[in-house]
Amino acid sequence: LVAKIMKNMDKFGLVVNPDKKRTGRRPDYNDGDLAYLAEWFWCHPTAYLDKAQEALCEAQDIKLSLSTIFHLMTAQDFTRKLVSCPAAQCNEALRTAFEVLISSAEYCNPDLFLFLDKSAVNNSTINRTYRYFEKGSRCVEQ
């Protein structure tokens, strides 16, 4: 083994022979399938792997096992992350209307108001606590 490594280092400057054919079976998927799968997880971060398997089968006409899909997503730098969610009752239009109301002449002193965030109390905001998302980016429910 050491002699083989030394021979490859002398001949190629690498530990392994770059011209050696890859052993094993060729994969059943191609780059288009990987791109579709990554895009699908961007659109559906809370989906289970079996839903990804069904979508891949319908769109690309390819049947991959769940473990293969999991390993492909890991290779694509997707990770399983804990989700941070805003409150389900958060409505930007109502919030803006309320800000206009409190800035009117009737309520002239804004120091009289106290606003609380009840998102931690709201248990209906999270359907799934974990999602698949890329490494290095924060996963927030939309």
C-alpha atoms as a PDB file:
ATOM      1  CA  LEU A   1       0.000   0.000   0.000  1.00  0.00           C
ATOM      2  CA  VAL A   2       2.783   2.445   0.899  1.00  0.00           C
ATOM      3  CA  ALA A   3       4.700   1.547  -2.262  1.00  0.00           C
ATOM      4  CA  LYS A   4       1.575   2.179  -4.342  1.00  0.00           C
ATOM      5  CA  ILE A   5       1.061   5.579  -2.709  1.00  0.00           C
ATOM      6  CA  MET A   6       4.716   6.503  -3.278  1.00  0.00           C
ATOM      7  CA  LYS A   7       4.450   5.422  -6.924  1.00  0.00           C
ATOM      8  CA  ASN A   8       1.347   7.597  -7.416  1.00  0.00           C
ATOM      9  CA  MET A   9       3.077  10.543  -5.732  1.00  0.00           C
ATOM     10  CA  ASP A  10       6.067  10.241  -8.051  1.00  0.00           C
ATOM     11  CA  LYS A  11       3.998   9.764 -11.179  1.00  0.00           C
ATOM     12  CA  PHE A  12       0.979  12.079 -10.621  1.00  0.00           C
ATOM     13  CA  GLY A  13       1.848  14.232  -7.618  1.00  0.00           C
ATOM     14  CA  LEU A  14      -1.258  12.838  -5.897  1.00  0.00           C
ATOM     15  CA  VAL A  15      -1.942  10.029  -3.457  1.00  0.00           C
ATOM     16  CA  VAL A  16      -4.459   8.404  -5.809  1.00  0.00           C
ATOM     17  CA  ASN A  17      -4.304   7.719  -9.525  1.00  0.00           C
ATOM     18  CA  PRO A  18      -6.536  10.332 -11.228  1.00  0.00           C
ATOM     19  CA  ASP A  19      -6.858   8.165 -14.364  1.00  0.00           C
ATOM     20  CA  LYS A  20      -8.240   5.177 -12.484  1.00  0.00           C
ATOM     21  CA  LYS A  21     -11.838   4.344 -13.342  1.00  0.00           C
ATOM     22  CA  ARG A  22     -14.373   4.773 -10.583  1.00  0.00           C
ATOM     23  CA  THR A  23     -15.541   1.491  -9.102  1.00  0.00           C
ATOM     24  CA  GLY A  24     -19.111   0.638  -8.280  1.00  0.00           C
ATOM     25  CA  ARG A  25     -22.404   1.277  -9.956  1.00  0.00           C
ATOM     26  CA  ARG A  26     -23.093   4.515 -11.796  1.00  0.00           C
ATOM     27  CA  PRO A  27     -25.602   6.735  -9.987  1.00  0.00           C
ATOM     28  CA  ASP A  28     -29.208   6.736 -11.182  1.00  0.00           C
ATOM     29  CA  TYR A  29     -29.435  10.530 -11.006  1.00  0.00           C
ATOM     30  CA  ASN A  30     -27.833  13.376 -12.963  1.00  0.00           C
ATOM     31  CA  ASP A  31     -27.078  17.048 -12.314  1.00  0.00           C
ATOM     32  CA  GLY A  32     -30.563  18.092 -13.438  1.00  0.00           C
ATOM     33  CA  ASP A  33     -32.101  15.852 -10.797  1.00  0.00           C
ATOM     34  CA  LEU A  34     -29.868  17.386  -8.125  1.00  0.00           C
ATOM     35  CA  ALA A  35     -30.775  20.912  -9.229  1.00  0.00           C
ATOM     36  CA  TYR A  36     -34.481  20.058  -9.169  1.00  0.00           C
ATOM     37  CA  LEU A  37     -34.203  18.541  -5.697  1.00  0.00           C
ATOM     38  CA  ALA A  38     -32.342  21.566  -4.294  1.00  0.00           C
ATOM     39  CA  GLU A  39     -34.892  23.954  -5.818  1.00  0.00           C
ATOM     40  CA  TRP A  40     -37.744  21.835  -4.483  1.00  0.00           C
ATOM     41  CA  PHE A  41     -36.355  22.002  -0.935  1.00  0.00           C
ATOM     42  CA  TRP A  42     -35.971  25.779  -1.273  1.00  0.00           C
ATOM     43  CA  CYS A  43     -39.698  25.982  -2.059  1.00  0.00           C
ATOM     44  CA  HIS A  44     -40.791  23.347   0.488  1.00  0.00           C
ATOM     45  CA  PRO A  45     -38.393  23.494   3.467  1.00  0.00           C
ATOM     46  CA  THR A  46     -40.830  21.800   5.863  1.00  0.00           C
ATOM     47  CA  ALA A  47     -41.598  18.821   3.652  1.00  0.00           C
ATOM     48  CA  TYR A  48     -40.702  15.289   4.580  1.00  0.00           C
ATOM     49  CA  LEU A  49     -38.287  13.267   2.479  1.00  0.00           C
ATOM     50  CA  ASP A  50     -41.031  11.003   1.145  1.00  0.00           C
ATOM     51  CA  LYS A  51     -42.785  14.045  -0.359  1.00  0.00           C
ATOM     52  CA  ALA A  52     -39.506  14.986  -2.039  1.00  0.00           C
ATOM     53  CA  GLN A  53     -39.267  11.433  -3.337  1.00  0.00           C
ATOM     54  CA  GLU A  54     -42.779  11.665  -4.822  1.00  0.00           C
ATOM     55  CA  ALA A  55     -42.108  15.077  -6.385  1.00  0.00           C
ATOM     56  CA  LEU A  56     -38.852  13.844  -7.911  1.00  0.00           C
ATOM     57  CA  CYS A  57     -40.611  10.783  -9.307  1.00  0.00           C
ATOM     58  CA  GLU A  58     -43.388  12.885 -10.867  1.00  0.00           C
ATOM     59  CA  ALA A  59     -41.233  15.688 -12.271  1.00  0.00           C
ATOM     60  CA  GLN A  60     -38.019  13.907 -13.267  1.00  0.00           C
ATOM     61  CA  ASP A  61     -39.371  10.345 -13.645  1.00  0.00           C
ATOM     62  CA  ILE A  62     -36.725   8.924 -11.317  1.00  0.00           C
ATOM     63  CA  LYS A  63     -37.222   6.800  -8.194  1.00  0.00           C
ATOM     64  CA  LEU A  64     -34.566   7.318  -5.506  1.00  0.00           C
ATOM     65  CA  SER A  65     -34.559   5.865  -2.010  1.00  0.00           C
ATOM     66  CA  LEU A  66     -35.072   8.108   0.999  1.00  0.00           C
ATOM     67  CA  SER A  67     -31.520   7.509   2.186  1.00  0.00           C
ATOM     68  CA  THR A  68     -30.165   8.522  -1.231  1.00  0.00           C
ATOM     69  CA  ILE A  69     -32.188  11.745  -1.135  1.00  0.00           C
ATOM     70  CA  PHE A  70     -30.954  12.441   2.391  1.00  0.00           C
ATOM     71  CA  HIS A  71     -27.313  11.898   1.391  1.00  0.00           C
ATOM     72  CA  LEU A  72     -27.743  14.027  -1.733  1.00  0.00           C
ATOM     73  CA  MET A  73     -29.166  16.885   0.327  1.00  0.00           C
ATOM     74  CA  THR A  74     -26.296  16.577   2.788  1.00  0.00           C
ATOM     75  CA  ALA A  75     -23.851  16.719  -0.125  1.00  0.00           C
ATOM     76  CA  GLN A  76     -25.674  19.830  -1.405  1.00  0.00           C
ATOM     77  CA  ASP A  77     -25.055  21.498   2.017  1.00  0.00           C
ATOM     78  CA  PHE A  78     -28.668  21.272   3.175  1.00  0.00           C
ATOM     79  CA  THR A  79     -29.042  20.622   6.879  1.00  0.00           C
ATOM     80  CA  ARG A  80     -31.894  19.892   9.245  1.00  0.00           C
ATOM     81  CA  LYS A  81     -32.429  23.073  11.254  1.00  0.00           C
ATOM     82  CA  LEU A  82     -34.620  24.267  14.072  1.00  0.00           C
ATOM     83  CA  VAL A  83     -37.183  26.770  12.817  1.00  0.00           C
ATOM     84  CA  SER A  84     -37.781  30.177  14.337  1.00  0.00           C
ATOM     85  CA  CYS A  85     -41.302  31.379  13.577  1.00  0.00           C
ATOM     86  CA  PRO A  86     -43.093  34.697  13.728  1.00  0.00           C
ATOM     87  CA  ALA A  87     -46.514  34.705  15.369  1.00  0.00           C
ATOM     88  CA  ALA A  88     -49.362  33.469  13.187  1.00  0.00           C
ATOM     89  CA  GLN A  89     -51.431  36.494  14.171  1.00  0.00           C
ATOM     90  CA  CYS A  90     -48.824  38.910  12.783  1.00  0.00           C
ATOM     91  CA  ASN A  91     -50.560  40.988  10.101  1.00  0.00           C
ATOM     92  CA  GLU A  92     -48.568  43.852   8.590  1.00  0.00           C
ATOM     93  CA  ALA A  93     -51.653  45.672   7.237  1.00  0.00           C
ATOM     94  CA  LEU A  94     -53.325  45.707  10.663  1.00  0.00           C
ATOM     95  CA  ARG A  95     -50.060  46.727  12.308  1.00  0.00           C
ATOM     96  CA  THR A  96     -49.680  49.701   9.946  1.00  0.00           C
ATOM     97  CA  ALA A  97     -53.303  50.765  10.510  1.00  0.00           C
ATOM     98  CA  PHE A  98     -52.758  50.592  14.269  1.00  0.00           C
ATOM     99  CA  GLU A  99     -49.575  52.681  14.025  1.00  0.00           C
ATOM    100  CA  VAL A 100     -51.523  55.329  12.102  1.00  0.00           C
ATOM    101  CA  LEU A 101     -54.238  55.240  14.766  1.00  0.00           C
ATOM    102  CA  ILE A 102     -51.861  55.732  17.693  1.00  0.00           C
ATOM    103  CA  SER A 103     -50.000  58.523  15.918  1.00  0.00           C
ATOM    104  CA  SER A 104     -53.232  60.505  15.474  1.00  0.00           C
ATOM    105  CA  ALA A 105     -54.164  63.480  17.650  1.00  0.00           C
ATOM    106  CA  GLU A 106     -56.314  61.425  20.055  1.00  0.00           C
ATOM    107  CA  TYR A 107     -53.305  59.509  21.355  1.00  0.00           C
ATOM    108  CA  CYS A 108     -50.633  62.161  21.311  1.00  0.00           C
ATOM    109  CA  ASN A 109     -48.160  60.657  23.812  1.00  0.00           C
ATOM    110  CA  PRO A 110     -46.527  57.466  22.424  1.00  0.00           C
ATOM    111  CA  ASP A 111     -44.755  56.857  25.758  1.00  0.00           C
ATOM    112  CA  LEU A 112     -48.063  55.684  27.233  1.00  0.00           C
ATOM    113  CA  PHE A 113     -48.121  52.478  25.181  1.00  0.00           C
ATOM    114  CA  LEU A 114     -46.577  49.123  26.009  1.00  0.00           C
ATOM    115  CA  PHE A 115     -46.294  46.447  23.305  1.00  0.00           C
ATOM    116  CA  LEU A 116     -45.732  42.769  24.058  1.00  0.00           C
ATOM    117  CA  ASP A 117     -44.590  39.971  21.789  1.00  0.00           C
ATOM    118  CA  LYS A 118     -46.791  36.923  22.316  1.00  0.00           C
ATOM    119  CA  SER A 119     -45.152  34.701  19.695  1.00  0.00           C
ATOM    120  CA  ALA A 120     -43.615  32.463  22.371  1.00  0.00           C
ATOM    121  CA  VAL A 121     -47.069  31.838  23.822  1.00  0.00           C
ATOM    122  CA  ASN A 122     -48.627  30.962  20.477  1.00  0.00           C
ATOM    123  CA  ASN A 123     -48.316  27.194  20.051  1.00  0.00           C
ATOM    124  CA  SER A 124     -50.160  27.101  16.720  1.00  0.00           C
ATOM    125  CA  THR A 125     -47.379  28.838  14.779  1.00  0.00           C
ATOM    126  CA  ILE A 126     -45.153  25.799  14.358  1.00  0.00           C
ATOM    127  CA  ASN A 127     -46.349  22.786  12.408  1.00  0.00           C
ATOM    128  CA  ARG A 128     -42.907  21.234  12.195  1.00  0.00           C
ATOM    129  CA  THR A 129     -40.013  22.317  14.347  1.00  0.00           C
ATOM    130  CA  TYR A 130     -37.268  21.205  11.944  1.00  0.00           C
ATOM    131  CA  ARG A 131     -36.733  21.983   8.275  1.00  0.00           C
ATOM    132  CA  TYR A 132     -34.158  21.377   5.580  1.00  0.00           C
ATOM    133  CA  PHE A 133     -32.213  24.502   4.716  1.00  0.00           C
ATOM    134  CA  GLU A 134     -28.776  25.433   3.386  1.00  0.00           C
ATOM    135  CA  LYS A 135     -25.778  25.659   5.679  1.00  0.00           C
ATOM    136  CA  GLY A 136     -24.878  29.171   6.764  1.00  0.00           C
ATOM    137  CA  SER A 137     -28.382  30.624   6.456  1.00  0.00           C
ATOM    138  CA  ARG A 138     -31.115  31.009   9.056  1.00  0.00           C
ATOM    139  CA  CYS A 139     -34.360  29.084   8.652  1.00  0.00           C
ATOM    140  CA  VAL A 140     -37.396  31.276   9.349  1.00  0.00           C
ATOM    141  CA  GLU A 141     -40.995  30.327   8.623  1.00  0.00           C
ATOM    142  CA  GLN A 142     -42.556  32.469   5.922  1.00  0.00           C
END
